[in-house]
Amino acid sequence: MKNLRIEIKWAIVFLVMTLLWMMFEKSMGWHDEAIADHASYTNLYAIPAIMVYVLALLDKKKNFYGGQMTYKQGFMTGLIITLIVAILSPLNQYIISTFITPEYFTNVIEYSVSNGMMEQTEAEAYFSLKNYMLISVIGALMMGLITTLVVALFVRSRK
């Protein structure tokens, strides 16, 4: 467990950053009055998400591997962070949907239906806590893996 201390720390940092990002989105109105902007602006979340992975791998490289880290070591570090984040993503989504922005599903369903993007039943099925919990796990695994593959290339030690 001591060997995973850095990965656990950065997974928690990632999850907290996600909660803070959701508070930011809500404060910008992207979950209610400016919900039409949400689909575009939510992509900016990638910037802090990638930064957390960069900082995590740099931390592991410096404080565990003594400044020398192979691609494989970086990849494994990122993969472990990704798995922890994916496991805890449903809990994070519950916190987001229950405490940070409980009206989001109602607002996005109303917006999607009133703008002809989805039928009511389709929107209710898609924009639900259960579905978002599933999407959060799949998204964490996919995006975490892609981010890890790329970040490990840049953070590895070169000979």
N, C-alpha and C. Protein backbone atom coordinates (compact mmCIF):
# COMPACT_ATOMS: atom_id res chain seq x y z
N MET A 1 0.82 -1.19 0.00
CA MET A 1 0.00 0.00 0.00
C MET A 1 0.87 1.26 0.00
N LYS A 2 2.04 1.17 0.66
CA LYS A 2 2.95 2.31 0.69
C LYS A 2 3.42 2.66 -0.72
N ASN A 3 3.58 1.64 -1.57
CA ASN A 3 4.01 1.88 -2.94
C ASN A 3 2.95 2.61 -3.76
N LEU A 4 1.70 2.56 -3.33
CA LEU A 4 0.60 3.19 -4.06
C LEU A 4 0.16 4.52 -3.45
N ARG A 5 0.88 4.99 -2.44
CA ARG A 5 0.50 6.22 -1.74
C ARG A 5 0.36 7.40 -2.70
N ILE A 6 1.28 7.54 -3.61
CA ILE A 6 1.24 8.66 -4.56
C ILE A 6 0.04 8.53 -5.50
N GLU A 7 -0.22 7.32 -5.99
CA GLU A 7 -1.36 7.12 -6.89
C GLU A 7 -2.68 7.40 -6.18
N ILE A 8 -2.81 6.95 -4.95
CA ILE A 8 -4.04 7.20 -4.18
C ILE A 8 -4.22 8.70 -3.96
N LYS A 9 -3.12 9.37 -3.57
CA LYS A 9 -3.18 10.82 -3.35
C LYS A 9 -3.67 11.54 -4.60
N TRP A 10 -3.10 11.21 -5.76
CA TRP A 10 -3.46 11.91 -6.99
C TRP A 10 -4.85 11.53 -7.51
N ALA A 11 -5.28 10.31 -7.23
CA ALA A 11 -6.66 9.95 -7.58
C ALA A 11 -7.64 10.80 -6.77
N ILE A 12 -7.33 10.99 -5.50
CA ILE A 12 -8.19 11.84 -4.65
C ILE A 12 -8.14 13.28 -5.14
N VAL A 13 -6.94 13.76 -5.49
CA VAL A 13 -6.82 15.11 -6.05
C VAL A 13 -7.68 15.24 -7.30
N PHE A 14 -7.64 14.23 -8.16
CA PHE A 14 -8.43 14.24 -9.39
C PHE A 14 -9.93 14.31 -9.08
N LEU A 15 -10.37 13.51 -8.14
CA LEU A 15 -11.79 13.49 -7.78
C LEU A 15 -12.23 14.82 -7.17
N VAL A 16 -11.40 15.41 -6.33
CA VAL A 16 -11.71 16.72 -5.74
C VAL A 16 -11.72 17.78 -6.83
N MET A 17 -10.74 17.73 -7.75
CA MET A 17 -10.71 18.68 -8.86
C MET A 17 -12.00 18.57 -9.67
N THR A 18 -12.49 17.36 -9.86
CA THR A 18 -13.74 17.16 -10.61
C THR A 18 -14.91 17.82 -9.89
N LEU A 19 -14.98 17.65 -8.58
CA LEU A 19 -16.05 18.30 -7.80
C LEU A 19 -15.94 19.82 -7.91
N LEU A 20 -14.73 20.35 -7.82
CA LEU A 20 -14.53 21.80 -7.95
C LEU A 20 -14.90 22.28 -9.35
N TRP A 21 -14.58 21.48 -10.36
CA TRP A 21 -14.95 21.84 -11.73
C TRP A 21 -16.48 21.88 -11.87
N MET A 22 -17.16 20.95 -11.28
CA MET A 22 -18.62 20.96 -11.37
C MET A 22 -19.21 22.18 -10.67
N MET A 23 -18.61 22.58 -9.55
CA MET A 23 -19.05 23.81 -8.88
C MET A 23 -18.80 25.02 -9.78
N PHE A 24 -17.66 25.01 -10.48
CA PHE A 24 -17.36 26.08 -11.42
C PHE A 24 -18.39 26.11 -12.55
N GLU A 25 -18.68 24.94 -13.15
CA GLU A 25 -19.68 24.88 -14.22
C GLU A 25 -21.02 25.43 -13.74
N LYS A 26 -21.42 25.02 -12.56
CA LYS A 26 -22.70 25.49 -12.01
C LYS A 26 -22.66 27.01 -11.81
N SER A 27 -21.56 27.53 -11.29
CA SER A 27 -21.45 28.97 -11.06
C SER A 27 -21.46 29.76 -12.37
N MET A 28 -21.03 29.13 -13.45
CA MET A 28 -21.05 29.79 -14.75
C MET A 28 -22.44 29.72 -15.41
N GLY A 29 -23.35 28.98 -14.78
CA GLY A 29 -24.70 28.87 -15.31
C GLY A 29 -24.87 27.78 -16.35
N TRP A 30 -23.83 26.98 -16.54
CA TRP A 30 -23.88 25.94 -17.57
C TRP A 30 -24.80 24.78 -17.21
N HIS A 31 -25.33 24.77 -16.02
CA HIS A 31 -26.26 23.72 -15.60
C HIS A 31 -27.69 24.23 -15.52
N ASP A 32 -27.89 25.51 -15.81
CA ASP A 32 -29.25 26.06 -15.79
C ASP A 32 -29.42 27.13 -16.86
N GLU A 33 -29.30 28.42 -16.54
CA GLU A 33 -29.65 29.46 -17.53
C GLU A 33 -28.77 29.44 -18.78
N ALA A 34 -27.55 28.97 -18.71
CA ALA A 34 -26.67 28.90 -19.88
C ALA A 34 -26.40 27.44 -20.28
N ILE A 35 -27.41 26.60 -20.09
CA ILE A 35 -27.22 25.16 -20.36
C ILE A 35 -26.91 24.89 -21.83
N ALA A 36 -27.31 25.78 -22.71
CA ALA A 36 -27.01 25.61 -24.14
C ALA A 36 -25.50 25.64 -24.38
N ASP A 37 -24.75 26.29 -23.50
CA ASP A 37 -23.30 26.37 -23.63
C ASP A 37 -22.58 25.18 -23.01
N HIS A 38 -23.27 24.39 -22.22
CA HIS A 38 -22.64 23.33 -21.45
C HIS A 38 -21.88 22.34 -22.32
N ALA A 39 -22.47 21.88 -23.39
CA ALA A 39 -21.84 20.85 -24.23
C ALA A 39 -20.49 21.31 -24.77
N SER A 40 -20.36 22.59 -25.07
CA SER A 40 -19.09 23.10 -25.58
C SER A 40 -18.08 23.35 -24.47
N TYR A 41 -18.50 24.10 -23.47
CA TYR A 41 -17.57 24.54 -22.42
C TYR A 41 -17.13 23.43 -21.47
N THR A 42 -17.91 22.39 -21.33
CA THR A 42 -17.52 21.31 -20.42
C THR A 42 -16.25 20.62 -20.91
N ASN A 43 -15.94 20.75 -22.20
CA ASN A 43 -14.72 20.16 -22.74
C ASN A 43 -13.45 20.80 -22.17
N LEU A 44 -13.57 21.99 -21.63
CA LEU A 44 -12.42 22.65 -21.01
C LEU A 44 -11.93 21.89 -19.78
N TYR A 45 -12.76 21.02 -19.25
CA TYR A 45 -12.40 20.16 -18.12
C TYR A 45 -11.15 19.33 -18.43
N ALA A 46 -10.91 19.08 -19.69
CA ALA A 46 -9.73 18.29 -20.08
C ALA A 46 -8.43 18.96 -19.64
N ILE A 47 -8.41 20.28 -19.58
CA ILE A 47 -7.18 20.99 -19.21
C ILE A 47 -6.76 20.65 -17.78
N PRO A 48 -7.61 20.88 -16.78
CA PRO A 48 -7.17 20.50 -15.42
C PRO A 48 -7.02 18.99 -15.26
N ALA A 49 -7.81 18.21 -15.97
CA ALA A 49 -7.70 16.75 -15.85
C ALA A 49 -6.32 16.27 -16.33
N ILE A 50 -5.88 16.78 -17.45
CA ILE A 50 -4.56 16.40 -17.97
C ILE A 50 -3.46 16.92 -17.03
N MET A 51 -3.63 18.13 -16.53
CA MET A 51 -2.64 18.70 -15.62
C MET A 51 -2.46 17.84 -14.36
N VAL A 52 -3.56 17.30 -13.84
CA VAL A 52 -3.46 16.44 -12.67
C VAL A 52 -2.62 15.20 -13.00
N TYR A 53 -2.84 14.61 -14.16
CA TYR A 53 -2.05 13.44 -14.55
C TYR A 53 -0.57 13.79 -14.72
N VAL A 54 -0.29 14.94 -15.33
CA VAL A 54 1.10 15.37 -15.50
C VAL A 54 1.76 15.53 -14.13
N LEU A 55 1.09 16.24 -13.23
CA LEU A 55 1.65 16.46 -11.89
C LEU A 55 1.81 15.15 -11.13
N ALA A 56 0.86 14.24 -11.31
CA ALA A 56 0.93 12.94 -10.63
C ALA A 56 2.14 12.14 -11.10
N LEU A 57 2.32 12.07 -12.40
CA LEU A 57 3.45 11.30 -12.93
C LEU A 57 4.79 11.96 -12.59
N LEU A 58 4.82 13.28 -12.59
CA LEU A 58 6.05 13.97 -12.19
C LEU A 58 6.35 13.71 -10.71
N ASP A 59 5.32 13.69 -9.88
CA ASP A 59 5.48 13.40 -8.45
C ASP A 59 6.04 12.00 -8.27
N LYS A 60 5.47 11.03 -8.97
CA LYS A 60 5.94 9.64 -8.86
C LYS A 60 7.39 9.54 -9.34
N LYS A 61 7.68 10.19 -10.44
CA LYS A 61 9.04 10.15 -11.00
C LYS A 61 10.04 10.71 -10.00
N LYS A 62 9.74 11.86 -9.42
CA LYS A 62 10.68 12.53 -8.52
C LYS A 62 10.76 11.84 -7.16
N ASN A 63 9.62 11.53 -6.57
CA ASN A 63 9.59 11.11 -5.17
C ASN A 63 9.55 9.61 -4.94
N PHE A 64 9.40 8.84 -6.00
CA PHE A 64 9.40 7.38 -5.84
C PHE A 64 10.54 6.75 -6.64
N TYR A 65 10.71 7.24 -7.86
CA TYR A 65 11.72 6.65 -8.75
C TYR A 65 13.03 7.44 -8.77
N GLY A 66 13.16 8.43 -7.91
CA GLY A 66 14.42 9.16 -7.82
C GLY A 66 14.79 9.96 -9.05
N GLY A 67 13.79 10.42 -9.79
CA GLY A 67 14.03 11.26 -10.96
C GLY A 67 14.18 10.50 -12.27
N GLN A 68 14.18 9.19 -12.22
CA GLN A 68 14.30 8.38 -13.44
C GLN A 68 13.08 7.44 -13.53
N MET A 69 12.28 7.62 -14.56
CA MET A 69 11.09 6.80 -14.72
C MET A 69 10.96 6.36 -16.16
N THR A 70 10.74 5.07 -16.36
CA THR A 70 10.53 4.54 -17.70
C THR A 70 9.10 4.81 -18.14
N TYR A 71 8.87 4.62 -19.43
CA TYR A 71 7.51 4.76 -19.95
C TYR A 71 6.58 3.78 -19.25
N LYS A 72 7.03 2.54 -19.07
CA LYS A 72 6.20 1.51 -18.43
C LYS A 72 5.85 1.91 -17.00
N GLN A 73 6.80 2.43 -16.26
CA GLN A 73 6.53 2.87 -14.89
C GLN A 73 5.52 4.02 -14.88
N GLY A 74 5.67 4.96 -15.79
CA GLY A 74 4.73 6.07 -15.90
C GLY A 74 3.35 5.58 -16.30
N PHE A 75 3.32 4.65 -17.24
CA PHE A 75 2.05 4.09 -17.68
C PHE A 75 1.34 3.38 -16.53
N MET A 76 2.08 2.58 -15.78
CA MET A 76 1.48 1.84 -14.66
C MET A 76 0.97 2.79 -13.58
N THR A 77 1.71 3.86 -13.32
CA THR A 77 1.28 4.87 -12.36
C THR A 77 -0.05 5.47 -12.80
N GLY A 78 -0.13 5.92 -14.05
CA GLY A 78 -1.35 6.50 -14.59
C GLY A 78 -2.51 5.52 -14.62
N LEU A 79 -2.20 4.27 -14.93
CA LEU A 79 -3.23 3.24 -14.98
C LEU A 79 -3.83 3.01 -13.59
N ILE A 80 -3.00 2.98 -12.57
CA ILE A 80 -3.49 2.78 -11.21
C ILE A 80 -4.36 3.97 -10.79
N ILE A 81 -3.93 5.19 -11.11
CA ILE A 81 -4.74 6.37 -10.81
C ILE A 81 -6.08 6.26 -11.53
N THR A 82 -6.04 5.88 -12.79
CA THR A 82 -7.26 5.73 -13.59
C THR A 82 -8.21 4.71 -12.96
N LEU A 83 -7.70 3.58 -12.53
CA LEU A 83 -8.55 2.55 -11.93
C LEU A 83 -9.18 3.03 -10.63
N ILE A 84 -8.42 3.74 -9.81
CA ILE A 84 -8.97 4.27 -8.56
C ILE A 84 -10.06 5.31 -8.86
N VAL A 85 -9.77 6.20 -9.80
CA VAL A 85 -10.75 7.21 -10.18
C VAL A 85 -12.01 6.55 -10.72
N ALA A 86 -11.86 5.55 -11.57
CA ALA A 86 -13.02 4.86 -12.15
C ALA A 86 -13.87 4.19 -11.06
N ILE A 87 -13.22 3.56 -10.11
CA ILE A 87 -13.94 2.89 -9.03
C ILE A 87 -14.73 3.90 -8.19
N LEU A 88 -14.14 5.07 -7.97
CA LEU A 88 -14.79 6.08 -7.13
C LEU A 88 -15.68 7.06 -7.90
N SER A 89 -15.69 6.96 -9.22
CA SER A 89 -16.49 7.87 -10.05
C SER A 89 -17.99 7.84 -9.75
N PRO A 90 -18.59 6.67 -9.53
CA PRO A 90 -20.03 6.71 -9.20
C PRO A 90 -20.32 7.49 -7.91
N LEU A 91 -19.46 7.37 -6.91
CA LEU A 91 -19.65 8.15 -5.69
C LEU A 91 -19.51 9.63 -5.99
N ASN A 92 -18.51 10.00 -6.77
CA ASN A 92 -18.33 11.40 -7.15
C ASN A 92 -19.56 11.91 -7.91
N GLN A 93 -20.07 11.10 -8.83
CA GLN A 93 -21.25 11.51 -9.60
C GLN A 93 -22.46 11.67 -8.69
N TYR A 94 -22.59 10.82 -7.71
CA TYR A 94 -23.68 10.95 -6.73
C TYR A 94 -23.57 12.28 -5.98
N ILE A 95 -22.37 12.62 -5.54
CA ILE A 95 -22.15 13.88 -4.83
C ILE A 95 -22.50 15.06 -5.74
N ILE A 96 -22.04 15.00 -6.97
CA ILE A 96 -22.32 16.07 -7.93
C ILE A 96 -23.81 16.23 -8.13
N SER A 97 -24.49 15.11 -8.41
CA SER A 97 -25.91 15.15 -8.76
C SER A 97 -26.82 15.40 -7.57
N THR A 98 -26.37 15.10 -6.39
CA THR A 98 -27.21 15.26 -5.21
C THR A 98 -26.96 16.58 -4.49
N PHE A 99 -25.70 16.99 -4.41
CA PHE A 99 -25.37 18.16 -3.59
C PHE A 99 -24.92 19.39 -4.38
N ILE A 100 -24.18 19.19 -5.45
CA ILE A 100 -23.66 20.34 -6.18
C ILE A 100 -24.68 20.90 -7.17
N THR A 101 -25.28 20.02 -7.94
CA THR A 101 -26.20 20.48 -8.98
C THR A 101 -27.39 19.53 -9.13
N PRO A 102 -28.24 19.48 -8.11
CA PRO A 102 -29.37 18.53 -8.14
C PRO A 102 -30.40 18.82 -9.23
N GLU A 103 -30.42 20.03 -9.75
CA GLU A 103 -31.40 20.39 -10.78
C GLU A 103 -30.89 20.16 -12.20
N TYR A 104 -29.65 19.71 -12.34
CA TYR A 104 -29.05 19.56 -13.67
C TYR A 104 -29.86 18.62 -14.56
N PHE A 105 -30.20 17.45 -14.07
CA PHE A 105 -30.92 16.49 -14.91
C PHE A 105 -32.25 17.05 -15.39
N THR A 106 -33.00 17.67 -14.50
CA THR A 106 -34.27 18.29 -14.88
C THR A 106 -34.05 19.34 -15.96
N ASN A 107 -33.03 20.19 -15.77
CA ASN A 107 -32.76 21.26 -16.73
C ASN A 107 -32.30 20.74 -18.09
N VAL A 108 -31.42 19.76 -18.08
CA VAL A 108 -30.90 19.26 -19.36
C VAL A 108 -31.96 18.44 -20.09
N ILE A 109 -32.81 17.75 -19.36
CA ILE A 109 -33.92 17.03 -20.00
C ILE A 109 -34.85 18.03 -20.67
N GLU A 110 -35.23 19.06 -19.93
CA GLU A 110 -36.12 20.09 -20.48
C GLU A 110 -35.50 20.76 -21.71
N TYR A 111 -34.22 21.10 -21.62
CA TYR A 111 -33.53 21.74 -22.74
C TYR A 111 -33.48 20.82 -23.96
N SER A 112 -33.12 19.56 -23.76
CA SER A 112 -33.00 18.61 -24.87
C SER A 112 -34.32 18.36 -25.56
N VAL A 113 -35.38 18.24 -24.78
CA VAL A 113 -36.71 17.99 -25.35
C VAL A 113 -37.24 19.24 -26.05
N SER A 114 -37.13 20.39 -25.39
CA SER A 114 -37.69 21.62 -25.97
C SER A 114 -36.94 22.06 -27.23
N ASN A 115 -35.70 21.62 -27.40
CA ASN A 115 -34.94 21.96 -28.60
C ASN A 115 -34.93 20.84 -29.63
N GLY A 116 -35.77 19.83 -29.43
CA GLY A 116 -35.92 18.76 -30.40
C GLY A 116 -34.73 17.82 -30.53
N MET A 117 -33.89 17.79 -29.53
CA MET A 117 -32.72 16.93 -29.57
C MET A 117 -33.05 15.50 -29.20
N MET A 118 -34.03 15.33 -28.32
CA MET A 118 -34.44 14.00 -27.85
C MET A 118 -35.92 14.03 -27.52
N GLU A 119 -36.49 12.84 -27.53
CA GLU A 119 -37.85 12.68 -27.02
C GLU A 119 -37.78 12.63 -25.49
N GLN A 120 -38.87 12.90 -24.83
CA GLN A 120 -38.91 12.96 -23.37
C GLN A 120 -38.38 11.68 -22.71
N THR A 121 -38.87 10.53 -23.13
CA THR A 121 -38.45 9.27 -22.49
C THR A 121 -36.97 8.98 -22.75
N GLU A 122 -36.50 9.30 -23.95
CA GLU A 122 -35.09 9.11 -24.28
C GLU A 122 -34.21 10.02 -23.42
N ALA A 123 -34.62 11.27 -23.27
CA ALA A 123 -33.86 12.23 -22.46
C ALA A 123 -33.85 11.81 -20.99
N GLU A 124 -34.99 11.35 -20.49
CA GLU A 124 -35.07 10.92 -19.08
C GLU A 124 -34.18 9.70 -18.82
N ALA A 125 -34.10 8.83 -19.80
CA ALA A 125 -33.25 7.64 -19.64
C ALA A 125 -31.77 8.02 -19.69
N TYR A 126 -31.42 8.91 -20.61
CA TYR A 126 -30.01 9.28 -20.77
C TYR A 126 -29.53 10.16 -19.62
N PHE A 127 -30.30 11.19 -19.30
CA PHE A 127 -29.91 12.14 -18.26
C PHE A 127 -30.48 11.69 -16.91
N SER A 128 -29.87 10.65 -16.39
CA SER A 128 -30.29 10.10 -15.09
C SER A 128 -29.05 9.77 -14.28
N LEU A 129 -29.22 9.73 -12.98
CA LEU A 129 -28.09 9.43 -12.11
C LEU A 129 -27.49 8.07 -12.44
N LYS A 130 -28.34 7.09 -12.64
CA LYS A 130 -27.86 5.73 -12.94
C LYS A 130 -27.00 5.73 -14.20
N ASN A 131 -27.48 6.37 -15.26
CA ASN A 131 -26.74 6.39 -16.52
C ASN A 131 -25.45 7.20 -16.38
N TYR A 132 -25.52 8.33 -15.69
CA TYR A 132 -24.32 9.15 -15.51
C TYR A 132 -23.28 8.44 -14.65
N MET A 133 -23.71 7.63 -13.70
CA MET A 133 -22.76 6.84 -12.92
C MET A 133 -22.02 5.85 -13.83
N LEU A 134 -22.76 5.21 -14.71
CA LEU A 134 -22.16 4.28 -15.67
C LEU A 134 -21.23 5.02 -16.62
N ILE A 135 -21.69 6.14 -17.16
CA ILE A 135 -20.88 6.94 -18.08
C ILE A 135 -19.61 7.43 -17.39
N SER A 136 -19.71 7.77 -16.11
CA SER A 136 -18.53 8.27 -15.39
C SER A 136 -17.46 7.20 -15.27
N VAL A 137 -17.86 5.95 -15.07
CA VAL A 137 -16.88 4.86 -14.99
C VAL A 137 -16.24 4.63 -16.35
N ILE A 138 -17.06 4.52 -17.37
CA ILE A 138 -16.55 4.28 -18.72
C ILE A 138 -15.67 5.44 -19.17
N GLY A 139 -16.12 6.66 -18.94
CA GLY A 139 -15.34 7.84 -19.31
C GLY A 139 -14.02 7.91 -18.57
N ALA A 140 -14.04 7.61 -17.27
CA ALA A 140 -12.80 7.62 -16.49
C ALA A 140 -11.81 6.60 -17.03
N LEU A 141 -12.29 5.43 -17.37
CA LEU A 141 -11.40 4.39 -17.91
C LEU A 141 -10.84 4.78 -19.27
N MET A 142 -11.71 5.24 -20.16
CA MET A 142 -11.26 5.57 -21.52
C MET A 142 -10.34 6.79 -21.53
N MET A 143 -10.79 7.88 -20.92
CA MET A 143 -10.00 9.11 -20.95
C MET A 143 -8.74 8.98 -20.10
N GLY A 144 -8.84 8.26 -18.98
CA GLY A 144 -7.66 8.05 -18.15
C GLY A 144 -6.61 7.25 -18.87
N LEU A 145 -7.03 6.24 -19.61
CA LEU A 145 -6.09 5.41 -20.37
C LEU A 145 -5.41 6.23 -21.47
N ILE A 146 -6.20 6.98 -22.22
CA ILE A 146 -5.64 7.81 -23.29
C ILE A 146 -4.67 8.85 -22.72
N THR A 147 -5.10 9.52 -21.66
CA THR A 147 -4.25 10.53 -21.02
C THR A 147 -2.95 9.90 -20.53
N THR A 148 -3.07 8.74 -19.89
CA THR A 148 -1.90 8.04 -19.38
C THR A 148 -0.93 7.67 -20.49
N LEU A 149 -1.44 7.16 -21.59
CA LEU A 149 -0.59 6.76 -22.72
C LEU A 149 0.24 7.95 -23.22
N VAL A 150 -0.39 9.11 -23.30
CA VAL A 150 0.29 10.29 -23.83
C VAL A 150 1.20 10.93 -22.78
N VAL A 151 0.68 11.15 -21.58
CA VAL A 151 1.46 11.83 -20.54
C VAL A 151 2.71 11.04 -20.18
N ALA A 152 2.60 9.73 -20.13
CA ALA A 152 3.76 8.89 -19.79
C ALA A 152 4.89 9.07 -20.82
N LEU A 153 4.54 9.36 -22.07
CA LEU A 153 5.56 9.62 -23.09
C LEU A 153 6.38 10.87 -22.77
N PHE A 154 5.70 11.90 -22.30
CA PHE A 154 6.36 13.18 -22.04
C PHE A 154 7.10 13.21 -20.70
N VAL A 155 6.64 12.41 -19.75
CA VAL A 155 7.21 12.46 -18.41
C VAL A 155 8.35 11.45 -18.24
N ARG A 156 8.41 10.45 -19.08
CA ARG A 156 9.45 9.42 -18.94
C ARG A 156 10.84 10.04 -19.05
N SER A 157 11.78 9.37 -18.47
CA SER A 157 13.17 9.80 -18.56
C SER A 157 13.75 9.34 -19.89
N ARG A 158 14.50 10.22 -20.49
CA ARG A 158 15.15 9.87 -21.76
C ARG A 158 16.60 9.57 -21.50
N LYS A 159 17.12 8.61 -22.23
CA LYS A 159 18.51 8.22 -22.03
C LYS A 159 19.43 9.06 -22.88
